[in-house]
Amino acid sequence: MARVTLYGRPGCHLCDDARTVIQRVCADLGEQYEEFSIEGDADLMHTYGELIPVTLVDGKQHDYWRVSESRLRTALTA
């Protein structure tokens, strides 16, 4: 089961940056992540539209706009 969730949309450069950090941290720690596009989902657009990329750890919002590698590592190892 993935502990990290990334919400974003295609063509979002901040989402690309967030994905890179998430991939690196998850690979280093042996964790999985999942990614969902908010595009085409009215509820997700309403919830996250102005905040993407949004990162959740264990189902709780962790970061938005930018992903802090150190904060993500700490959250996954705490």
PDB file of N, CA and C in Angstrom:
ATOM      1  N   MET A   1       0.838  -1.179   0.000  1.00  0.00           N
ATOM      2  CA  MET A   1       0.000   0.000   0.000  1.00  0.00           C
ATOM      3  C   MET A   1       0.888   1.250   0.000  1.00  0.00           C
ATOM      4  N   ALA A   2       0.544   2.202  -0.828  1.00  0.00           N
ATOM      5  CA  ALA A   2       1.324   3.429  -0.954  1.00  0.00           C
ATOM      6  C   ALA A   2       1.071   4.349   0.236  1.00  0.00           C
ATOM      7  N   ARG A   3       2.145   4.839   0.825  1.00  0.00           N
ATOM      8  CA  ARG A   3       2.027   5.786   1.937  1.00  0.00           C
ATOM      9  C   ARG A   3       1.982   7.220   1.453  1.00  0.00           C
ATOM     10  N   VAL A   4       2.481   7.463   0.238  1.00  0.00           N
ATOM     11  CA  VAL A   4       2.555   8.816  -0.308  1.00  0.00           C
ATOM     12  C   VAL A   4       1.619   8.912  -1.503  1.00  0.00           C
ATOM     13  N   THR A   5       0.836   9.984  -1.544  1.00  0.00           N
ATOM     14  CA  THR A   5      -0.058  10.250  -2.661  1.00  0.00           C
ATOM     15  C   THR A   5       0.268  11.633  -3.209  1.00  0.00           C
ATOM     16  N   LEU A   6       0.343  11.718  -4.525  1.00  0.00           N
ATOM     17  CA  LEU A   6       0.591  12.989  -5.201  1.00  0.00           C
ATOM     18  C   LEU A   6      -0.614  13.315  -6.063  1.00  0.00           C
ATOM     19  N   TYR A   7      -1.210  14.486  -5.831  1.00  0.00           N
ATOM     20  CA  TYR A   7      -2.276  14.995  -6.684  1.00  0.00           C
ATOM     21  C   TYR A   7      -1.700  16.118  -7.533  1.00  0.00           C
ATOM     22  N   GLY A   8      -1.918  16.039  -8.826  1.00  0.00           N
ATOM     23  CA  GLY A   8      -1.420  17.061  -9.739  1.00  0.00           C
ATOM     24  C   GLY A   8      -2.207  17.049 -11.020  1.00  0.00           C
ATOM     25  N   ARG A   9      -1.585  17.571 -12.061  1.00  0.00           N
ATOM     26  CA  ARG A   9      -2.212  17.554 -13.383  1.00  0.00           C
ATOM     27  C   ARG A   9      -1.126  17.536 -14.445  1.00  0.00           C
ATOM     28  N   PRO A  10      -1.437  16.995 -15.604  1.00  0.00           N
ATOM     29  CA  PRO A  10      -0.460  16.946 -16.691  1.00  0.00           C
ATOM     30  C   PRO A  10       0.002  18.353 -17.081  1.00  0.00           C
ATOM     31  N   GLY A  11       1.279  18.473 -17.395  1.00  0.00           N
ATOM     32  CA  GLY A  11       1.836  19.747 -17.849  1.00  0.00           C
ATOM     33  C   GLY A  11       2.187  20.716 -16.730  1.00  0.00           C
ATOM     34  N   CYS A  12       2.064  20.297 -15.500  1.00  0.00           N
ATOM     35  CA  CYS A  12       2.362  21.150 -14.347  1.00  0.00           C
ATOM     36  C   CYS A  12       3.834  20.963 -13.976  1.00  0.00           C
ATOM     37  N   HIS A  13       4.649  22.013 -14.147  1.00  0.00           N
ATOM     38  CA  HIS A  13       6.080  21.881 -13.860  1.00  0.00           C
ATOM     39  C   HIS A  13       6.355  21.667 -12.377  1.00  0.00           C
ATOM     40  N   LEU A  14       5.544  22.237 -11.502  1.00  0.00           N
ATOM     41  CA  LEU A  14       5.717  21.990 -10.074  1.00  0.00           C
ATOM     42  C   LEU A  14       5.397  20.537  -9.730  1.00  0.00           C
ATOM     43  N   CYS A  15       4.430  19.955 -10.445  1.00  0.00           N
ATOM     44  CA  CYS A  15       4.089  18.540 -10.243  1.00  0.00           C
ATOM     45  C   CYS A  15       5.256  17.661 -10.673  1.00  0.00           C
ATOM     46  N   ASP A  16       5.902  18.035 -11.765  1.00  0.00           N
ATOM     47  CA  ASP A  16       7.079  17.285 -12.227  1.00  0.00           C
ATOM     48  C   ASP A  16       8.194  17.337 -11.181  1.00  0.00           C
ATOM     49  N   ASP A  17       8.418  18.518 -10.617  1.00  0.00           N
ATOM     50  CA  ASP A  17       9.441  18.673  -9.576  1.00  0.00           C
ATOM     51  C   ASP A  17       9.091  17.837  -8.339  1.00  0.00           C
ATOM     52  N   ALA A  18       7.821  17.889  -7.932  1.00  0.00           N
ATOM     53  CA  ALA A  18       7.378  17.131  -6.762  1.00  0.00           C
ATOM     54  C   ALA A  18       7.546  15.635  -6.998  1.00  0.00           C
ATOM     55  N   ARG A  19       7.183  15.177  -8.172  1.00  0.00           N
ATOM     56  CA  ARG A  19       7.309  13.756  -8.510  1.00  0.00           C
ATOM     57  C   ARG A  19       8.757  13.296  -8.395  1.00  0.00           C
ATOM     58  N   THR A  20       9.685  14.110  -8.860  1.00  0.00           N
ATOM     59  CA  THR A  20      11.105  13.763  -8.789  1.00  0.00           C
ATOM     60  C   THR A  20      11.553  13.563  -7.346  1.00  0.00           C
ATOM     61  N   VAL A  21      11.165  14.477  -6.468  1.00  0.00           N
ATOM     62  CA  VAL A  21      11.533  14.371  -5.052  1.00  0.00           C
ATOM     63  C   VAL A  21      10.872  13.145  -4.429  1.00  0.00           C
ATOM     64  N   ILE A  22       9.598  12.949  -4.691  1.00  0.00           N
ATOM     65  CA  ILE A  22       8.864  11.819  -4.123  1.00  0.00           C
ATOM     66  C   ILE A  22       9.457  10.502  -4.594  1.00  0.00           C
ATOM     67  N   GLN A  23       9.752  10.404  -5.873  1.00  0.00           N
ATOM     68  CA  GLN A  23      10.349   9.169  -6.403  1.00  0.00           C
ATOM     69  C   GLN A  23      11.676   8.863  -5.714  1.00  0.00           C
ATOM     70  N   ARG A  24      12.509   9.879  -5.548  1.00  0.00           N
ATOM     71  CA  ARG A  24      13.823   9.689  -4.935  1.00  0.00           C
ATOM     72  C   ARG A  24      13.685   9.235  -3.479  1.00  0.00           C
ATOM     73  N   VAL A  25      12.860   9.927  -2.712  1.00  0.00           N
ATOM     74  CA  VAL A  25      12.695   9.601  -1.295  1.00  0.00           C
ATOM     75  C   VAL A  25      12.075   8.219  -1.128  1.00  0.00           C
ATOM     76  N   CYS A  26      11.045   7.933  -1.887  1.00  0.00           N
ATOM     77  CA  CYS A  26      10.383   6.625  -1.772  1.00  0.00           C
ATOM     78  C   CYS A  26      11.332   5.493  -2.173  1.00  0.00           C
ATOM     79  N   ALA A  27      12.124   5.706  -3.207  1.00  0.00           N
ATOM     80  CA  ALA A  27      13.091   4.675  -3.615  1.00  0.00           C
ATOM     81  C   ALA A  27      14.131   4.453  -2.528  1.00  0.00           C
ATOM     82  N   ASP A  28      14.620   5.530  -1.930  1.00  0.00           N
ATOM     83  CA  ASP A  28      15.621   5.416  -0.869  1.00  0.00           C
ATOM     84  C   ASP A  28      15.085   4.687   0.360  1.00  0.00           C
ATOM     85  N   LEU A  29      13.795   4.898   0.663  1.00  0.00           N
ATOM     86  CA  LEU A  29      13.220   4.352   1.897  1.00  0.00           C
ATOM     87  C   LEU A  29      12.409   3.076   1.665  1.00  0.00           C
ATOM     88  N   GLY A  30      12.324   2.639   0.420  1.00  0.00           N
ATOM     89  CA  GLY A  30      11.557   1.434   0.124  1.00  0.00           C
ATOM     90  C   GLY A  30      10.052   1.622   0.260  1.00  0.00           C
ATOM     91  N   GLU A  31       9.599   2.822   0.045  1.00  0.00           N
ATOM     92  CA  GLU A  31       8.166   3.138   0.124  1.00  0.00           C
ATOM     93  C   GLU A  31       7.584   3.238  -1.284  1.00  0.00           C
ATOM     94  N   GLN A  32       6.273   3.147  -1.353  1.00  0.00           N
ATOM     95  CA  GLN A  32       5.577   3.301  -2.626  1.00  0.00           C
ATOM     96  C   GLN A  32       4.804   4.609  -2.622  1.00  0.00           C
ATOM     97  N   TYR A  33       4.554   5.111  -3.826  1.00  0.00           N
ATOM     98  CA  TYR A  33       3.699   6.287  -3.941  1.00  0.00           C
ATOM     99  C   TYR A  33       2.710   6.049  -5.073  1.00  0.00           C
ATOM    100  N   GLU A  34       1.623   6.804  -5.016  1.00  0.00           N
ATOM    101  CA  GLU A  34       0.638   6.767  -6.079  1.00  0.00           C
ATOM    102  C   GLU A  34       0.373   8.195  -6.522  1.00  0.00           C
ATOM    103  N   GLU A  35      -0.060   8.332  -7.752  1.00  0.00           N
ATOM    104  CA  GLU A  35      -0.263   9.660  -8.313  1.00  0.00           C
ATOM    105  C   GLU A  35      -1.615   9.707  -8.999  1.00  0.00           C
ATOM    106  N   PHE A  36      -2.319  10.821  -8.795  1.00  0.00           N
ATOM    107  CA  PHE A  36      -3.625  11.019  -9.402  1.00  0.00           C
ATOM    108  C   PHE A  36      -3.682  12.405 -10.028  1.00  0.00           C
ATOM    109  N   SER A  37      -4.324  12.474 -11.177  1.00  0.00           N
ATOM    110  CA  SER A  37      -4.585  13.754 -11.822  1.00  0.00           C
ATOM    111  C   SER A  37      -5.908  14.302 -11.305  1.00  0.00           C
ATOM    112  N   ILE A  38      -5.932  15.589 -11.004  1.00  0.00           N
ATOM    113  CA  ILE A  38      -7.176  16.220 -10.573  1.00  0.00           C
ATOM    114  C   ILE A  38      -8.024  16.618 -11.775  1.00  0.00           C
ATOM    115  N   GLU A  39      -7.430  16.586 -12.952  1.00  0.00           N
ATOM    116  CA  GLU A  39      -8.126  16.982 -14.162  1.00  0.00           C
ATOM    117  C   GLU A  39      -9.304  16.054 -14.429  1.00  0.00           C
ATOM    118  N   GLY A  40     -10.464  16.627 -14.682  1.00  0.00           N
ATOM    119  CA  GLY A  40     -11.640  15.834 -14.990  1.00  0.00           C
ATOM    120  C   GLY A  40     -12.395  15.337 -13.773  1.00  0.00           C
ATOM    121  N   ASP A  41     -11.930  15.669 -12.577  1.00  0.00           N
ATOM    122  CA  ASP A  41     -12.617  15.264 -11.351  1.00  0.00           C
ATOM    123  C   ASP A  41     -13.016  16.532 -10.598  1.00  0.00           C
ATOM    124  N   ALA A  42     -14.304  16.861 -10.636  1.00  0.00           N
ATOM    125  CA  ALA A  42     -14.791  18.118 -10.060  1.00  0.00           C
ATOM    126  C   ALA A  42     -14.471  18.238  -8.572  1.00  0.00           C
ATOM    127  N   ASP A  43     -14.594  17.140  -7.830  1.00  0.00           N
ATOM    128  CA  ASP A  43     -14.311  17.188  -6.391  1.00  0.00           C
ATOM    129  C   ASP A  43     -12.842  17.475  -6.119  1.00  0.00           C
ATOM    130  N   LEU A  44     -11.950  16.787  -6.836  1.00  0.00           N
ATOM    131  CA  LEU A  44     -10.520  17.024  -6.655  1.00  0.00           C
ATOM    132  C   LEU A  44     -10.127  18.420  -7.117  1.00  0.00           C
ATOM    133  N   MET A  45     -10.720  18.892  -8.208  1.00  0.00           N
ATOM    134  CA  MET A  45     -10.433  20.256  -8.683  1.00  0.00           C
ATOM    135  C   MET A  45     -10.849  21.275  -7.627  1.00  0.00           C
ATOM    136  N   HIS A  46     -12.006  21.067  -7.023  1.00  0.00           N
ATOM    137  CA  HIS A  46     -12.492  21.989  -5.993  1.00  0.00           C
ATOM    138  C   HIS A  46     -11.585  21.963  -4.764  1.00  0.00           C
ATOM    139  N   THR A  47     -11.156  20.770  -4.367  1.00  0.00           N
ATOM    140  CA  THR A  47     -10.347  20.616  -3.162  1.00  0.00           C
ATOM    141  C   THR A  47      -8.906  21.074  -3.361  1.00  0.00           C
ATOM    142  N   TYR A  48      -8.288  20.705  -4.494  1.00  0.00           N
ATOM    143  CA  TYR A  48      -6.855  20.914  -4.680  1.00  0.00           C
ATOM    144  C   TYR A  48      -6.471  21.846  -5.820  1.00  0.00           C
ATOM    145  N   GLY A  49      -7.436  22.362  -6.552  1.00  0.00           N
ATOM    146  CA  GLY A  49      -7.169  23.104  -7.782  1.00  0.00           C
ATOM    147  C   GLY A  49      -6.084  24.161  -7.711  1.00  0.00           C
ATOM    148  N   GLU A  50      -6.071  24.972  -6.678  1.00  0.00           N
ATOM    149  CA  GLU A  50      -5.095  26.058  -6.564  1.00  0.00           C
ATOM    150  C   GLU A  50      -3.844  25.658  -5.784  1.00  0.00           C
ATOM    151  N   LEU A  51      -3.802  24.441  -5.278  1.00  0.00           N
ATOM    152  CA  LEU A  51      -2.708  24.027  -4.405  1.00  0.00           C
ATOM    153  C   LEU A  51      -1.745  23.036  -5.048  1.00  0.00           C
ATOM    154  N   ILE A  52      -2.069  22.513  -6.223  1.00  0.00           N
ATOM    155  CA  ILE A  52      -1.251  21.441  -6.787  1.00  0.00           C
ATOM    156  C   ILE A  52       0.169  21.897  -7.039  1.00  0.00           C
ATOM    157  N   PRO A  53       1.085  20.977  -6.896  1.00  0.00           N
ATOM    158  CA  PRO A  53       0.906  19.608  -6.467  1.00  0.00           C
ATOM    159  C   PRO A  53       0.648  19.522  -4.969  1.00  0.00           C
ATOM    160  N   VAL A  54      -0.190  18.573  -4.596  1.00  0.00           N
ATOM    161  CA  VAL A  54      -0.491  18.318  -3.196  1.00  0.00           C
ATOM    162  C   VAL A  54       0.022  16.922  -2.858  1.00  0.00           C
ATOM    163  N   THR A  55       0.729  16.819  -1.753  1.00  0.00           N
ATOM    164  CA  THR A  55       1.271  15.550  -1.305  1.00  0.00           C
ATOM    165  C   THR A  55       0.596  15.144  -0.004  1.00  0.00           C
ATOM    166  N   LEU A  56       0.157  13.898   0.048  1.00  0.00           N
ATOM    167  CA  LEU A  56      -0.394  13.325   1.260  1.00  0.00           C
ATOM    168  C   LEU A  56       0.535  12.225   1.746  1.00  0.00           C
ATOM    169  N   VAL A  57       0.683  12.120   3.049  1.00  0.00           N
ATOM    170  CA  VAL A  57       1.428  11.021   3.663  1.00  0.00           C
ATOM    171  C   VAL A  57       0.468  10.328   4.612  1.00  0.00           C
ATOM    172  N   ASP A  58       0.298   9.042   4.399  1.00  0.00           N
ATOM    173  CA  ASP A  58      -0.628   8.249   5.202  1.00  0.00           C
ATOM    174  C   ASP A  58      -2.024   8.864   5.229  1.00  0.00           C
ATOM    175  N   GLY A  59      -2.437   9.410   4.079  1.00  0.00           N
ATOM    176  CA  GLY A  59      -3.787   9.935   3.926  1.00  0.00           C
ATOM    177  C   GLY A  59      -4.014  11.341   4.431  1.00  0.00           C
ATOM    178  N   LYS A  60      -2.977  11.988   4.972  1.00  0.00           N
ATOM    179  CA  LYS A  60      -3.115  13.346   5.499  1.00  0.00           C
ATOM    180  C   LYS A  60      -2.269  14.307   4.668  1.00  0.00           C
ATOM    181  N   GLN A  61      -2.827  15.495   4.409  1.00  0.00           N
ATOM    182  CA  GLN A  61      -2.090  16.469   3.608  1.00  0.00           C
ATOM    183  C   GLN A  61      -0.770  16.803   4.273  1.00  0.00           C
ATOM    184  N   HIS A  62       0.287  16.739   3.462  1.00  0.00           N
ATOM    185  CA  HIS A  62       1.639  16.953   3.973  1.00  0.00           C
ATOM    186  C   HIS A  62       2.251  18.238   3.414  1.00  0.00           C
ATOM    187  N   ASP A  63       2.215  18.397   2.112  1.00  0.00           N
ATOM    188  CA  ASP A  63       2.784  19.570   1.436  1.00  0.00           C
ATOM    189  C   ASP A  63       1.887  19.983   0.282  1.00  0.00           C
ATOM    190  N   TYR A  64       2.062  21.216  -0.161  1.00  0.00           N
ATOM    191  CA  TYR A  64       1.465  21.666  -1.415  1.00  0.00           C
ATOM    192  C   TYR A  64       2.421  22.651  -2.068  1.00  0.00           C
ATOM    193  N   TRP A  65       2.276  22.817  -3.358  1.00  0.00           N
ATOM    194  CA  TRP A  65       3.130  23.617  -4.233  1.00  0.00           C
ATOM    195  C   TRP A  65       4.540  23.049  -4.372  1.00  0.00           C
ATOM    196  N   ARG A  66       5.227  22.875  -3.298  1.00  0.00           N
ATOM    197  CA  ARG A  66       6.593  22.321  -3.325  1.00  0.00           C
ATOM    198  C   ARG A  66       6.695  21.186  -2.311  1.00  0.00           C
ATOM    199  N   VAL A  67       7.521  20.212  -2.611  1.00  0.00           N
ATOM    200  CA  VAL A  67       7.739  19.098  -1.689  1.00  0.00           C
ATOM    201  C   VAL A  67       9.127  19.253  -1.083  1.00  0.00           C
ATOM    202  N   SER A  68       9.168  19.322   0.226  1.00  0.00           N
ATOM    203  CA  SER A  68      10.431  19.387   0.952  1.00  0.00           C
ATOM    204  C   SER A  68      10.947  17.971   1.135  1.00  0.00           C
ATOM    205  N   GLU A  69      12.105  17.681   0.560  1.00  0.00           N
ATOM    206  CA  GLU A  69      12.674  16.347   0.676  1.00  0.00           C
ATOM    207  C   GLU A  69      12.922  15.973   2.130  1.00  0.00           C
ATOM    208  N   SER A  70      13.457  16.882   2.909  1.00  0.00           N
ATOM    209  CA  SER A  70      13.758  16.571   4.311  1.00  0.00           C
ATOM    210  C   SER A  70      12.485  16.338   5.122  1.00  0.00           C
ATOM    211  N   ARG A  71      11.467  17.146   4.897  1.00  0.00           N
ATOM    212  CA  ARG A  71      10.193  16.945   5.608  1.00  0.00           C
ATOM    213  C   ARG A  71       9.551  15.623   5.229  1.00  0.00           C
ATOM    214  N   LEU A  72       9.625  15.259   3.945  1.00  0.00           N
ATOM    215  CA  LEU A  72       9.038  14.007   3.503  1.00  0.00           C
ATOM    216  C   LEU A  72       9.775  12.829   4.113  1.00  0.00           C
ATOM    217  N   ARG A  73      11.098  12.885   4.117  1.00  0.00           N
ATOM    218  CA  ARG A  73      11.892  11.809   4.729  1.00  0.00           C
ATOM    219  C   ARG A  73      11.541  11.667   6.222  1.00  0.00           C
ATOM    220  N   THR A  74      11.439  12.772   6.917  1.00  0.00           N
ATOM    221  CA  THR A  74      11.110  12.750   8.328  1.00  0.00           C
ATOM    222  C   THR A  74       9.726  12.134   8.560  1.00  0.00           C
ATOM    223  N   ALA A  75       8.758  12.520   7.752  1.00  0.00           N
ATOM    224  CA  ALA A  75       7.398  11.996   7.897  1.00  0.00           C
ATOM    225  C   ALA A  75       7.336  10.492   7.666  1.00  0.00           C
ATOM    226  N   LEU A  76       8.143  10.016   6.733  1.00  0.00           N
ATOM    227  CA  LEU A  76       8.113   8.593   6.388  1.00  0.00           C
ATOM    228  C   LEU A  76       8.939   7.725   7.337  1.00  0.00           C
ATOM    229  N   THR A  77       9.804   8.352   8.115  1.00  0.00           N
ATOM    230  CA  THR A  77      10.632   7.576   9.041  1.00  0.00           C
ATOM    231  C   THR A  77      10.230   7.765  10.494  1.00  0.00           C
ATOM    232  N   ALA A  78       9.306   8.667  10.749  1.00  0.00           N
ATOM    233  CA  ALA A  78       8.873   8.929  12.137  1.00  0.00           C
ATOM    234  C   ALA A  78       7.999   7.817  12.674  1.00  0.00           C
TER     235      ALA A  78
END
